[in-house]
N, C-alpha and C. Protein backbone atom coordinates (compact mmCIF):
# COMPACT_ATOMS: atom_id res chain seq x y z
N UNK A 1 88.13 98.52 65.86
CA UNK A 1 88.78 97.50 66.57
C UNK A 1 88.44 96.17 65.90
N UNK A 2 89.51 95.38 65.73
CA UNK A 2 89.30 94.04 65.16
C UNK A 2 89.81 93.02 66.17
N UNK A 3 89.10 91.89 66.30
CA UNK A 3 89.46 90.87 67.23
C UNK A 3 89.41 89.55 66.49
N UNK A 4 90.55 88.80 66.60
CA UNK A 4 90.62 87.51 65.88
C UNK A 4 91.06 86.58 66.91
N UNK A 5 90.27 85.49 67.07
CA UNK A 5 90.52 84.51 68.15
C UNK A 5 90.95 83.09 67.52
N UNK A 6 92.06 82.55 68.10
CA UNK A 6 92.48 81.27 67.53
C UNK A 6 92.73 80.32 68.75
N UNK A 7 92.28 79.12 68.63
CA UNK A 7 92.48 78.13 69.75
C UNK A 7 93.51 77.14 69.15
N UNK A 8 94.51 76.83 70.05
CA UNK A 8 95.57 75.98 69.74
C UNK A 8 95.74 75.01 70.94
N UNK A 9 94.90 73.97 70.93
CA UNK A 9 94.94 73.08 72.14
C UNK A 9 94.53 73.75 73.38
N UNK A 10 95.42 73.87 74.36
CA UNK A 10 95.15 74.44 75.66
C UNK A 10 95.51 75.94 75.63
N UNK A 11 95.68 76.47 74.48
CA UNK A 11 96.08 77.95 74.37
C UNK A 11 95.25 78.66 73.44
N UNK A 12 94.77 79.82 73.92
CA UNK A 12 93.92 80.70 73.13
C UNK A 12 94.70 81.93 72.84
N UNK A 13 94.82 82.37 71.59
CA UNK A 13 95.45 83.63 71.20
C UNK A 13 94.46 84.53 70.64
N UNK A 14 94.31 85.78 71.16
CA UNK A 14 93.43 86.78 70.72
C UNK A 14 94.30 87.88 70.09
N UNK A 15 94.16 88.07 68.80
CA UNK A 15 94.92 89.11 68.12
C UNK A 15 93.97 90.28 67.99
N UNK A 16 94.61 91.44 68.41
CA UNK A 16 93.80 92.72 68.48
C UNK A 16 94.44 93.62 67.44
N UNK A 17 93.66 94.43 66.72
CA UNK A 17 94.14 95.37 65.74
C UNK A 17 93.30 96.65 65.78
N UNK A 18 93.95 97.79 65.45
CA UNK A 18 93.25 99.04 65.28
C UNK A 18 93.18 99.81 66.60
N UNK A 19 92.17 100.61 66.74
CA UNK A 19 92.00 101.48 67.85
C UNK A 19 91.13 100.76 68.84
N UNK A 20 91.58 100.66 70.13
CA UNK A 20 90.84 99.95 71.16
C UNK A 20 90.36 100.99 72.22
N UNK A 21 89.05 101.10 72.33
CA UNK A 21 88.48 102.07 73.29
C UNK A 21 87.54 101.31 74.20
N UNK A 22 87.07 101.98 75.20
CA UNK A 22 86.27 101.42 76.22
C UNK A 22 84.98 100.82 75.64
N UNK A 23 84.54 101.29 74.47
CA UNK A 23 83.34 100.81 73.86
C UNK A 23 83.45 99.34 73.38
N UNK A 24 84.74 98.91 73.14
CA UNK A 24 84.94 97.48 72.69
C UNK A 24 85.33 96.60 73.80
N UNK A 25 85.40 97.04 75.02
CA UNK A 25 85.79 96.16 76.09
C UNK A 25 84.81 95.00 76.42
N UNK A 26 83.53 95.24 76.27
CA UNK A 26 82.60 94.20 76.56
C UNK A 26 82.79 93.03 75.58
N UNK A 27 82.95 93.29 74.38
CA UNK A 27 83.28 92.29 73.35
C UNK A 27 84.57 91.56 73.68
N UNK A 28 85.61 92.26 74.03
CA UNK A 28 86.90 91.62 74.34
C UNK A 28 86.74 90.78 75.58
N UNK A 29 86.03 91.25 76.56
CA UNK A 29 85.82 90.46 77.79
C UNK A 29 85.12 89.15 77.49
N UNK A 30 84.15 89.21 76.54
CA UNK A 30 83.32 88.02 76.18
C UNK A 30 84.28 87.03 75.44
N UNK A 31 85.23 87.50 74.59
CA UNK A 31 86.11 86.63 73.91
C UNK A 31 87.07 85.94 74.86
N UNK A 32 87.41 86.67 75.93
CA UNK A 32 88.47 86.12 76.90
C UNK A 32 87.74 85.10 77.83
N UNK A 33 86.49 85.29 78.07
CA UNK A 33 85.81 84.53 79.13
C UNK A 33 85.58 83.09 78.64
N UNK A 34 86.45 82.22 78.93
CA UNK A 34 86.19 80.75 78.69
C UNK A 34 87.27 80.09 79.62
N UNK A 35 87.20 78.73 79.51
CA UNK A 35 88.04 77.91 80.35
C UNK A 35 89.43 77.54 79.84
N UNK A 36 89.81 78.19 78.80
CA UNK A 36 91.13 77.91 78.21
C UNK A 36 92.25 78.16 79.21
N UNK A 37 93.18 77.27 79.38
CA UNK A 37 94.19 77.36 80.37
C UNK A 37 95.13 78.52 80.10
N UNK A 38 95.68 78.63 78.95
CA UNK A 38 96.62 79.67 78.59
C UNK A 38 95.93 80.76 77.65
N UNK A 39 96.01 81.92 78.07
CA UNK A 39 95.41 83.01 77.21
C UNK A 39 96.50 84.02 76.84
N UNK A 40 96.55 84.49 75.61
CA UNK A 40 97.49 85.45 75.11
C UNK A 40 96.70 86.49 74.29
N UNK A 41 96.95 87.73 74.62
CA UNK A 41 96.51 88.86 73.94
C UNK A 41 97.68 89.38 73.05
N UNK A 42 97.50 89.26 71.70
CA UNK A 42 98.59 89.77 70.81
C UNK A 42 98.18 91.07 70.44
N UNK A 43 98.95 92.10 70.84
CA UNK A 43 98.70 93.55 70.58
C UNK A 43 99.51 94.16 69.47
N UNK A 44 100.10 93.29 68.66
CA UNK A 44 101.04 93.77 67.58
C UNK A 44 100.46 94.89 66.67
N UNK A 45 99.22 94.72 66.34
CA UNK A 45 98.52 95.65 65.33
C UNK A 45 97.72 96.71 66.04
N UNK A 46 97.83 96.90 67.33
CA UNK A 46 97.07 97.93 68.04
C UNK A 46 97.67 99.27 67.71
N UNK A 47 96.87 100.24 67.33
CA UNK A 47 97.38 101.56 67.02
C UNK A 47 97.10 102.65 68.07
N UNK A 48 95.98 102.44 68.83
CA UNK A 48 95.57 103.50 69.78
C UNK A 48 94.69 102.82 70.93
N UNK A 49 94.98 103.25 72.13
CA UNK A 49 94.18 102.74 73.24
C UNK A 49 93.84 103.91 74.14
N UNK A 50 92.83 103.71 74.96
CA UNK A 50 92.40 104.76 75.98
C UNK A 50 92.77 104.20 77.34
N UNK A 51 92.55 105.05 78.36
CA UNK A 51 92.94 104.68 79.72
C UNK A 51 92.19 103.48 80.20
N UNK A 52 90.95 103.31 79.79
CA UNK A 52 90.07 102.14 80.21
C UNK A 52 90.68 100.81 79.73
N UNK A 53 91.16 100.91 78.45
CA UNK A 53 91.76 99.72 77.85
C UNK A 53 93.10 99.45 78.59
N UNK A 54 93.82 100.48 78.91
CA UNK A 54 95.13 100.19 79.53
C UNK A 54 94.90 99.56 80.97
N UNK A 55 93.97 100.07 81.64
CA UNK A 55 93.63 99.49 82.95
C UNK A 55 93.09 98.03 82.84
N UNK A 56 92.33 97.76 81.80
CA UNK A 56 91.88 96.44 81.52
C UNK A 56 92.99 95.54 81.22
N UNK A 57 93.89 95.96 80.34
CA UNK A 57 95.09 95.12 79.95
C UNK A 57 95.92 94.84 81.23
N UNK A 58 96.12 95.84 82.01
CA UNK A 58 96.84 95.63 83.28
C UNK A 58 96.23 94.51 84.15
N UNK A 59 94.92 94.62 84.30
CA UNK A 59 94.19 93.57 85.09
C UNK A 59 94.33 92.21 84.43
N UNK A 60 94.29 92.18 83.10
CA UNK A 60 94.42 90.85 82.39
C UNK A 60 95.80 90.30 82.74
N UNK A 61 96.86 91.09 82.64
CA UNK A 61 98.20 90.57 82.92
C UNK A 61 98.30 90.18 84.40
N UNK A 62 97.72 90.84 85.28
CA UNK A 62 97.76 90.49 86.69
C UNK A 62 97.00 89.17 86.94
N UNK A 63 96.06 88.80 86.03
CA UNK A 63 95.31 87.63 86.19
C UNK A 63 95.95 86.47 85.47
N UNK A 64 97.15 86.68 84.89
CA UNK A 64 97.88 85.66 84.29
C UNK A 64 97.77 85.57 82.78
N UNK A 65 97.01 86.59 82.06
CA UNK A 65 96.97 86.57 80.73
C UNK A 65 98.26 87.21 80.20
N UNK A 66 98.86 86.61 79.12
CA UNK A 66 100.09 87.14 78.57
C UNK A 66 99.74 88.27 77.55
N UNK A 67 100.43 89.34 77.60
CA UNK A 67 100.38 90.44 76.68
C UNK A 67 101.51 90.30 75.69
N UNK A 68 101.25 89.75 74.48
CA UNK A 68 102.28 89.51 73.57
C UNK A 68 102.43 90.70 72.56
N UNK A 69 103.65 90.97 72.24
CA UNK A 69 103.98 92.04 71.22
C UNK A 69 103.26 93.36 71.60
N UNK A 70 103.30 93.66 72.77
CA UNK A 70 102.66 94.91 73.32
C UNK A 70 103.45 96.13 72.89
N UNK A 71 102.84 97.12 72.27
CA UNK A 71 103.53 98.34 71.87
C UNK A 71 104.16 98.96 73.07
N UNK A 72 105.36 99.60 72.88
CA UNK A 72 106.11 100.15 73.95
C UNK A 72 105.32 101.20 74.70
N UNK A 73 104.57 101.96 73.94
CA UNK A 73 103.84 103.12 74.66
C UNK A 73 102.70 102.61 75.57
N UNK A 74 102.13 101.46 75.17
CA UNK A 74 101.07 100.77 75.90
C UNK A 74 101.74 100.15 77.23
N UNK A 75 102.95 99.49 76.97
CA UNK A 75 103.59 98.89 78.14
C UNK A 75 103.96 100.01 79.18
N UNK A 76 104.50 101.14 78.71
CA UNK A 76 104.88 102.19 79.59
C UNK A 76 103.69 102.77 80.35
N UNK A 77 102.52 102.86 79.70
CA UNK A 77 101.36 103.39 80.32
C UNK A 77 100.80 102.40 81.29
N UNK A 78 100.84 101.18 81.08
CA UNK A 78 100.42 100.15 82.07
C UNK A 78 101.33 100.28 83.32
N UNK A 79 102.62 100.35 83.10
CA UNK A 79 103.47 100.53 84.31
C UNK A 79 103.25 101.79 85.07
N UNK A 80 102.93 102.93 84.36
CA UNK A 80 102.61 104.15 85.05
C UNK A 80 101.36 104.01 85.87
N UNK A 81 100.37 103.38 85.24
CA UNK A 81 99.04 103.28 85.94
C UNK A 81 99.26 102.37 87.20
N UNK A 82 100.06 101.32 87.13
CA UNK A 82 100.29 100.52 88.23
C UNK A 82 101.02 101.27 89.39
N UNK A 83 102.03 102.07 88.95
CA UNK A 83 102.82 102.79 89.88
C UNK A 83 101.91 103.84 90.55
N UNK A 84 101.07 104.57 89.79
CA UNK A 84 100.19 105.58 90.41
C UNK A 84 99.16 104.86 91.35
N UNK A 85 98.75 103.73 91.00
CA UNK A 85 97.78 102.99 91.85
C UNK A 85 98.33 102.59 93.18
N UNK A 86 99.62 102.27 93.20
CA UNK A 86 100.28 101.97 94.42
C UNK A 86 100.58 103.14 95.31
N UNK A 87 100.64 104.26 94.72
CA UNK A 87 100.83 105.55 95.46
C UNK A 87 99.65 106.07 96.18
N UNK A 88 98.41 105.60 95.62
CA UNK A 88 97.18 106.07 96.25
C UNK A 88 96.95 105.42 97.61
N UNK A 89 96.58 106.22 98.54
CA UNK A 89 96.27 105.66 99.97
C UNK A 89 95.13 104.69 99.86
N UNK A 90 95.22 103.66 100.67
CA UNK A 90 94.11 102.67 100.66
C UNK A 90 93.00 102.98 101.57
C-alpha cells in the first residue's frame, strides 16, 4: 500500500495505490485525522481491497469524505455492504 498526501489550502487529497488491507487502516486513519475541511481519497491506483477496507471507505464517505476515482468493483462492494447492513435487524 502506498499513501501520498497533498494539502491544497482547505483541501486534503490522499492518493492511495496498490493493495489495501486491514493492516494498513491504522496508517490511513492517521493520515485522515486532521482538521482539514475538505478531504478526498483518490482511489485511482488501488488494485485490491478487503472487506475491512470497504467498510472503512463506506464510513469515510458517510462522514463526508469524497471517494474520487473509485474503482467500479469497490463502489459496487460498498453499495452491497450498505444494503446488507440495512437488511440486518437492529
